[in-house]
Amino acid sequence: MKRPSANQPMKYIPGLKSPAYIRFLNLIDVLDRINPGKKLDAIEESLLDKIVLSAHQGEVVLVGDLISLSEFGSQATLHGRLKNLRAMGLIDMTAEEDGRKKHVVPTKLAIKRYDELSKCLEKAVRAG
């Protein structure tokens, strides 16, 4: 049997089970179609992941910490993405008393998003 080359798409084979991650991606796609709205880009997803993970671990996240993550983009790009996340209602920013530092926290909407993603992941694993 001849193997497909790396640049050729795999053919669908009836009865072949999809890996759990593929099922997960399909469920996320369905979720995105059910809940239309602005889809997060890769930078926004990475920032939101960082914010939610830090909050889950009880760590304080500052705007300055996030815009210094050069692996995600320039400071201007990251600041713009944080503004987008705030406009979408996924994060809140609260200033300290002196106003020099802003804390970034996920909103209930962001937590709901991760709950839905978790349900998709659990469903994909159970289907395997």
N, C-alpha and C. Protein backbone atom coordinates (compact mmCIF):
# COMPACT_ATOMS: atom_id res chain seq x y z
N MET A 1 0.84 -1.17 0.00
CA MET A 1 0.00 0.00 0.00
C MET A 1 0.89 1.24 0.00
N LYS A 2 0.59 2.17 -0.85
CA LYS A 2 1.38 3.38 -0.97
C LYS A 2 0.90 4.41 0.06
N ARG A 3 1.84 5.00 0.80
CA ARG A 3 1.52 6.02 1.79
C ARG A 3 1.35 7.37 1.11
N PRO A 4 0.37 8.18 1.59
CA PRO A 4 0.24 9.52 1.02
C PRO A 4 1.42 10.38 1.44
N SER A 5 1.82 11.28 0.55
CA SER A 5 2.93 12.17 0.91
C SER A 5 2.44 13.17 1.94
N ALA A 6 3.38 13.86 2.58
CA ALA A 6 3.05 14.80 3.65
C ALA A 6 2.17 15.95 3.18
N ASN A 7 2.25 16.31 1.90
CA ASN A 7 1.45 17.44 1.44
C ASN A 7 0.12 17.03 0.81
N GLN A 8 -0.20 15.75 0.81
CA GLN A 8 -1.49 15.29 0.29
C GLN A 8 -2.45 15.08 1.45
N PRO A 9 -3.71 15.50 1.29
CA PRO A 9 -4.68 15.29 2.37
C PRO A 9 -5.02 13.81 2.49
N MET A 10 -5.30 13.40 3.74
CA MET A 10 -5.72 12.02 3.96
C MET A 10 -7.15 11.85 3.48
N LYS A 11 -7.45 10.70 2.93
CA LYS A 11 -8.81 10.41 2.48
C LYS A 11 -9.63 9.92 3.66
N TYR A 12 -10.92 10.24 3.62
CA TYR A 12 -11.84 9.77 4.65
C TYR A 12 -12.00 8.27 4.49
N ILE A 13 -11.87 7.54 5.58
CA ILE A 13 -12.04 6.09 5.56
C ILE A 13 -13.20 5.76 6.49
N PRO A 14 -14.33 5.28 5.92
CA PRO A 14 -15.48 4.95 6.76
C PRO A 14 -15.10 3.94 7.84
N GLY A 15 -15.62 4.18 9.04
CA GLY A 15 -15.38 3.28 10.16
C GLY A 15 -14.12 3.57 10.93
N LEU A 16 -13.23 4.41 10.39
CA LEU A 16 -12.01 4.77 11.10
C LEU A 16 -12.34 5.84 12.12
N LYS A 17 -12.01 5.58 13.37
CA LYS A 17 -12.32 6.55 14.43
C LYS A 17 -11.35 7.72 14.39
N SER A 18 -11.89 8.90 14.60
CA SER A 18 -11.07 10.10 14.67
C SER A 18 -10.38 10.16 16.03
N PRO A 19 -9.15 10.67 16.05
CA PRO A 19 -8.51 10.89 17.35
C PRO A 19 -9.32 11.89 18.17
N ALA A 20 -9.20 11.81 19.48
CA ALA A 20 -9.97 12.67 20.38
C ALA A 20 -9.76 14.15 20.07
N TYR A 21 -8.54 14.55 19.73
CA TYR A 21 -8.29 15.96 19.47
C TYR A 21 -9.03 16.44 18.22
N ILE A 22 -9.14 15.59 17.21
CA ILE A 22 -9.89 15.94 16.00
C ILE A 22 -11.37 16.09 16.35
N ARG A 23 -11.89 15.19 17.16
CA ARG A 23 -13.29 15.30 17.60
C ARG A 23 -13.48 16.59 18.38
N PHE A 24 -12.51 16.94 19.23
CA PHE A 24 -12.55 18.17 20.01
C PHE A 24 -12.60 19.39 19.08
N LEU A 25 -11.74 19.42 18.07
CA LEU A 25 -11.73 20.54 17.13
C LEU A 25 -13.07 20.66 16.40
N ASN A 26 -13.65 19.53 16.03
CA ASN A 26 -14.96 19.55 15.37
C ASN A 26 -16.04 20.09 16.30
N LEU A 27 -15.98 19.72 17.57
CA LEU A 27 -16.96 20.22 18.54
C LEU A 27 -16.81 21.72 18.75
N ILE A 28 -15.57 22.20 18.78
CA ILE A 28 -15.34 23.65 18.91
C ILE A 28 -15.90 24.38 17.70
N ASP A 29 -15.72 23.80 16.53
CA ASP A 29 -16.25 24.40 15.31
C ASP A 29 -17.76 24.52 15.38
N VAL A 30 -18.41 23.48 15.87
CA VAL A 30 -19.87 23.50 16.03
C VAL A 30 -20.26 24.57 17.05
N LEU A 31 -19.53 24.63 18.14
CA LEU A 31 -19.78 25.63 19.19
C LEU A 31 -19.67 27.04 18.63
N ASP A 32 -18.65 27.29 17.80
CA ASP A 32 -18.47 28.61 17.19
C ASP A 32 -19.64 28.95 16.26
N ARG A 33 -20.17 27.95 15.57
CA ARG A 33 -21.29 28.21 14.65
C ARG A 33 -22.59 28.45 15.42
N ILE A 34 -22.74 27.79 16.57
CA ILE A 34 -23.94 27.97 17.40
C ILE A 34 -23.92 29.35 18.05
N ASN A 35 -22.73 29.79 18.48
CA ASN A 35 -22.58 31.08 19.15
C ASN A 35 -21.83 32.05 18.24
N PRO A 36 -22.51 32.58 17.24
CA PRO A 36 -21.80 33.48 16.33
C PRO A 36 -21.39 34.77 17.05
N GLY A 37 -20.37 35.35 16.56
CA GLY A 37 -19.83 36.58 17.14
C GLY A 37 -18.40 36.69 16.66
N LYS A 38 -17.70 37.64 17.20
CA LYS A 38 -16.33 37.81 16.78
C LYS A 38 -15.50 36.65 17.34
N LYS A 39 -14.84 35.97 16.45
CA LYS A 39 -13.98 34.87 16.85
C LYS A 39 -12.64 35.43 17.29
N LEU A 40 -12.07 34.87 18.33
CA LEU A 40 -10.77 35.32 18.82
C LEU A 40 -9.68 34.90 17.86
N ASP A 41 -8.71 35.78 17.65
CA ASP A 41 -7.55 35.37 16.84
C ASP A 41 -6.57 34.65 17.77
N ALA A 42 -5.50 34.14 17.20
CA ALA A 42 -4.54 33.33 17.96
C ALA A 42 -3.91 34.13 19.11
N ILE A 43 -3.63 35.40 18.88
CA ILE A 43 -3.01 36.22 19.94
C ILE A 43 -4.00 36.44 21.07
N GLU A 44 -5.25 36.74 20.72
CA GLU A 44 -6.28 36.94 21.75
C GLU A 44 -6.51 35.66 22.55
N GLU A 45 -6.53 34.53 21.87
CA GLU A 45 -6.69 33.25 22.58
C GLU A 45 -5.53 33.01 23.53
N SER A 46 -4.31 33.28 23.07
CA SER A 46 -3.13 33.07 23.92
C SER A 46 -3.16 33.98 25.13
N LEU A 47 -3.52 35.24 24.93
CA LEU A 47 -3.61 36.17 26.06
C LEU A 47 -4.69 35.73 27.04
N LEU A 48 -5.85 35.36 26.52
CA LEU A 48 -6.94 34.94 27.39
C LEU A 48 -6.57 33.67 28.14
N ASP A 49 -5.90 32.73 27.47
CA ASP A 49 -5.42 31.52 28.15
C ASP A 49 -4.52 31.90 29.32
N LYS A 50 -3.60 32.81 29.09
CA LYS A 50 -2.65 33.25 30.13
C LYS A 50 -3.40 33.89 31.30
N ILE A 51 -4.36 34.75 30.99
CA ILE A 51 -5.13 35.44 32.02
C ILE A 51 -5.95 34.46 32.85
N VAL A 52 -6.65 33.55 32.19
CA VAL A 52 -7.50 32.59 32.90
C VAL A 52 -6.65 31.62 33.72
N LEU A 53 -5.55 31.14 33.15
CA LEU A 53 -4.67 30.23 33.88
C LEU A 53 -4.08 30.91 35.11
N SER A 54 -3.65 32.14 34.97
CA SER A 54 -3.09 32.88 36.10
C SER A 54 -4.15 33.08 37.18
N ALA A 55 -5.35 33.45 36.78
CA ALA A 55 -6.44 33.63 37.75
C ALA A 55 -6.75 32.33 38.46
N HIS A 56 -6.75 31.23 37.71
CA HIS A 56 -7.01 29.92 38.30
C HIS A 56 -5.95 29.55 39.34
N GLN A 57 -4.72 29.98 39.11
CA GLN A 57 -3.62 29.70 40.03
C GLN A 57 -3.50 30.75 41.13
N GLY A 58 -4.41 31.72 41.14
CA GLY A 58 -4.41 32.75 42.18
C GLY A 58 -3.33 33.81 41.99
N GLU A 59 -2.80 33.92 40.79
CA GLU A 59 -1.74 34.90 40.51
C GLU A 59 -2.36 36.20 40.01
N VAL A 60 -1.71 37.31 40.35
CA VAL A 60 -2.13 38.62 39.87
C VAL A 60 -1.48 38.85 38.51
N VAL A 61 -2.28 39.30 37.54
CA VAL A 61 -1.76 39.61 36.21
C VAL A 61 -1.95 41.10 35.97
N LEU A 62 -0.89 41.75 35.56
CA LEU A 62 -0.94 43.17 35.26
C LEU A 62 -0.89 43.39 33.75
N VAL A 63 -1.44 44.50 33.30
CA VAL A 63 -1.38 44.84 31.88
C VAL A 63 0.07 44.85 31.42
N GLY A 64 0.95 45.43 32.23
CA GLY A 64 2.37 45.49 31.89
C GLY A 64 3.00 44.13 31.69
N ASP A 65 2.57 43.15 32.51
CA ASP A 65 3.08 41.77 32.36
C ASP A 65 2.67 41.20 31.00
N LEU A 66 1.43 41.46 30.62
CA LEU A 66 0.90 40.89 29.39
C LEU A 66 1.49 41.54 28.15
N ILE A 67 1.65 42.85 28.17
CA ILE A 67 2.18 43.51 26.97
C ILE A 67 3.68 43.31 26.82
N SER A 68 4.31 42.72 27.84
CA SER A 68 5.74 42.40 27.71
C SER A 68 5.98 40.99 27.21
N LEU A 69 4.93 40.26 26.88
CA LEU A 69 5.06 38.90 26.34
C LEU A 69 5.43 38.97 24.86
N SER A 70 6.68 39.21 24.59
CA SER A 70 7.12 39.46 23.22
C SER A 70 6.91 38.27 22.28
N GLU A 71 6.75 37.06 22.83
CA GLU A 71 6.52 35.90 21.96
C GLU A 71 5.13 35.95 21.30
N PHE A 72 4.23 36.78 21.83
CA PHE A 72 2.90 36.92 21.27
C PHE A 72 2.80 38.09 20.29
N GLY A 73 3.72 39.05 20.37
CA GLY A 73 3.68 40.20 19.47
C GLY A 73 4.29 41.43 20.11
N SER A 74 4.19 42.54 19.41
CA SER A 74 4.73 43.80 19.92
C SER A 74 3.83 44.33 21.04
N GLN A 75 4.34 45.28 21.79
CA GLN A 75 3.55 45.87 22.87
C GLN A 75 2.28 46.53 22.32
N ALA A 76 2.40 47.20 21.18
CA ALA A 76 1.23 47.85 20.58
C ALA A 76 0.18 46.81 20.16
N THR A 77 0.64 45.72 19.56
CA THR A 77 -0.27 44.65 19.15
C THR A 77 -0.98 44.05 20.35
N LEU A 78 -0.22 43.75 21.39
CA LEU A 78 -0.80 43.13 22.58
C LEU A 78 -1.77 44.08 23.29
N HIS A 79 -1.42 45.34 23.35
CA HIS A 79 -2.32 46.32 23.97
C HIS A 79 -3.64 46.39 23.20
N GLY A 80 -3.55 46.37 21.88
CA GLY A 80 -4.76 46.37 21.06
C GLY A 80 -5.60 45.13 21.28
N ARG A 81 -4.95 43.98 21.42
CA ARG A 81 -5.69 42.74 21.64
C ARG A 81 -6.35 42.73 23.01
N LEU A 82 -5.69 43.31 24.01
CA LEU A 82 -6.30 43.41 25.34
C LEU A 82 -7.54 44.31 25.28
N LYS A 83 -7.46 45.39 24.52
CA LYS A 83 -8.63 46.26 24.34
C LYS A 83 -9.76 45.50 23.66
N ASN A 84 -9.43 44.64 22.68
CA ASN A 84 -10.45 43.82 22.01
C ASN A 84 -11.11 42.87 23.00
N LEU A 85 -10.30 42.20 23.82
CA LEU A 85 -10.84 41.25 24.81
C LEU A 85 -11.76 41.97 25.80
N ARG A 86 -11.37 43.17 26.17
CA ARG A 86 -12.20 43.95 27.09
C ARG A 86 -13.51 44.35 26.41
N ALA A 87 -13.43 44.79 25.15
CA ALA A 87 -14.63 45.18 24.41
C ALA A 87 -15.58 44.01 24.20
N MET A 88 -15.03 42.80 24.09
CA MET A 88 -15.86 41.60 23.93
C MET A 88 -16.43 41.11 25.25
N GLY A 89 -16.02 41.75 26.34
CA GLY A 89 -16.54 41.38 27.66
C GLY A 89 -15.86 40.17 28.27
N LEU A 90 -14.66 39.83 27.79
CA LEU A 90 -13.97 38.64 28.29
C LEU A 90 -12.99 38.94 29.43
N ILE A 91 -12.56 40.20 29.55
CA ILE A 91 -11.67 40.58 30.64
C ILE A 91 -12.11 41.92 31.23
N ASP A 92 -11.73 42.14 32.47
CA ASP A 92 -11.89 43.43 33.14
C ASP A 92 -10.52 43.89 33.58
N MET A 93 -10.36 45.20 33.65
CA MET A 93 -9.12 45.79 34.14
C MET A 93 -9.47 46.70 35.30
N THR A 94 -8.77 46.52 36.40
CA THR A 94 -8.99 47.36 37.57
C THR A 94 -7.67 47.99 37.97
N ALA A 95 -7.71 49.30 38.24
CA ALA A 95 -6.49 50.03 38.60
C ALA A 95 -6.28 49.97 40.11
N GLU A 96 -5.00 49.96 40.49
CA GLU A 96 -4.66 50.08 41.91
C GLU A 96 -4.98 51.50 42.36
N GLU A 97 -4.87 51.75 43.65
CA GLU A 97 -5.22 53.06 44.20
C GLU A 97 -4.49 54.20 43.51
N ASP A 98 -3.20 54.02 43.24
CA ASP A 98 -2.45 55.11 42.62
C ASP A 98 -2.63 55.16 41.10
N GLY A 99 -3.31 54.17 40.54
CA GLY A 99 -3.63 54.17 39.11
C GLY A 99 -2.50 53.78 38.18
N ARG A 100 -1.33 53.45 38.72
CA ARG A 100 -0.20 53.14 37.84
C ARG A 100 -0.24 51.71 37.31
N LYS A 101 -0.83 50.81 38.05
CA LYS A 101 -0.87 49.41 37.62
C LYS A 101 -2.31 48.97 37.47
N LYS A 102 -2.57 48.25 36.36
CA LYS A 102 -3.91 47.72 36.12
C LYS A 102 -3.88 46.21 36.20
N HIS A 103 -4.76 45.67 37.03
CA HIS A 103 -4.92 44.22 37.15
C HIS A 103 -5.88 43.76 36.05
N VAL A 104 -5.59 42.60 35.48
CA VAL A 104 -6.44 42.03 34.44
C VAL A 104 -7.05 40.74 35.00
N VAL A 105 -8.37 40.65 34.91
CA VAL A 105 -9.07 39.46 35.41
C VAL A 105 -10.07 38.98 34.37
N PRO A 106 -10.29 37.67 34.30
CA PRO A 106 -11.31 37.15 33.38
C PRO A 106 -12.71 37.47 33.93
N THR A 107 -13.65 37.67 33.03
CA THR A 107 -15.04 37.90 33.42
C THR A 107 -15.78 36.57 33.50
N LYS A 108 -17.02 36.64 33.94
CA LYS A 108 -17.87 35.44 33.97
C LYS A 108 -18.04 34.87 32.57
N LEU A 109 -18.11 35.75 31.57
CA LEU A 109 -18.23 35.30 30.19
C LEU A 109 -17.01 34.49 29.76
N ALA A 110 -15.83 34.91 30.16
CA ALA A 110 -14.60 34.17 29.84
C ALA A 110 -14.61 32.81 30.53
N ILE A 111 -15.02 32.79 31.79
CA ILE A 111 -15.07 31.52 32.53
C ILE A 111 -16.08 30.58 31.87
N LYS A 112 -17.21 31.14 31.43
CA LYS A 112 -18.22 30.32 30.73
C LYS A 112 -17.63 29.73 29.45
N ARG A 113 -16.84 30.53 28.73
CA ARG A 113 -16.19 30.05 27.50
C ARG A 113 -15.31 28.82 27.80
N TYR A 114 -14.53 28.90 28.87
CA TYR A 114 -13.65 27.78 29.21
C TYR A 114 -14.44 26.59 29.74
N ASP A 115 -15.56 26.82 30.39
CA ASP A 115 -16.43 25.71 30.80
C ASP A 115 -16.96 24.98 29.57
N GLU A 116 -17.36 25.76 28.54
CA GLU A 116 -17.86 25.14 27.31
C GLU A 116 -16.76 24.37 26.59
N LEU A 117 -15.56 24.93 26.56
CA LEU A 117 -14.43 24.22 25.94
C LEU A 117 -14.12 22.93 26.70
N SER A 118 -14.21 22.99 28.02
CA SER A 118 -13.97 21.79 28.84
C SER A 118 -15.01 20.71 28.54
N LYS A 119 -16.26 21.11 28.39
CA LYS A 119 -17.31 20.15 28.06
C LYS A 119 -17.05 19.50 26.70
N CYS A 120 -16.58 20.31 25.73
CA CYS A 120 -16.27 19.76 24.41
C CYS A 120 -15.13 18.74 24.52
N LEU A 121 -14.12 19.07 25.30
CA LEU A 121 -12.99 18.16 25.47
C LEU A 121 -13.44 16.85 26.13
N GLU A 122 -14.24 16.96 27.19
CA GLU A 122 -14.72 15.76 27.87
C GLU A 122 -15.57 14.91 26.94
N LYS A 123 -16.41 15.54 26.15
CA LYS A 123 -17.26 14.81 25.20
C LYS A 123 -16.41 14.11 24.13
N ALA A 124 -15.37 14.78 23.65
CA ALA A 124 -14.49 14.19 22.64
C ALA A 124 -13.75 12.98 23.18
N VAL A 125 -13.31 13.06 24.43
CA VAL A 125 -12.58 11.95 25.05
C VAL A 125 -13.53 10.77 25.31
N ARG A 126 -14.74 11.07 25.81
CA ARG A 126 -15.71 9.99 26.08
C ARG A 126 -16.11 9.26 24.80
N ALA A 127 -16.17 9.98 23.68
CA ALA A 127 -16.60 9.38 22.42
C ALA A 127 -15.57 8.42 21.86
N GLY A 128 -14.37 8.46 22.40
CA GLY A 128 -13.29 7.63 21.91
C GLY A 128 -13.39 6.25 22.37
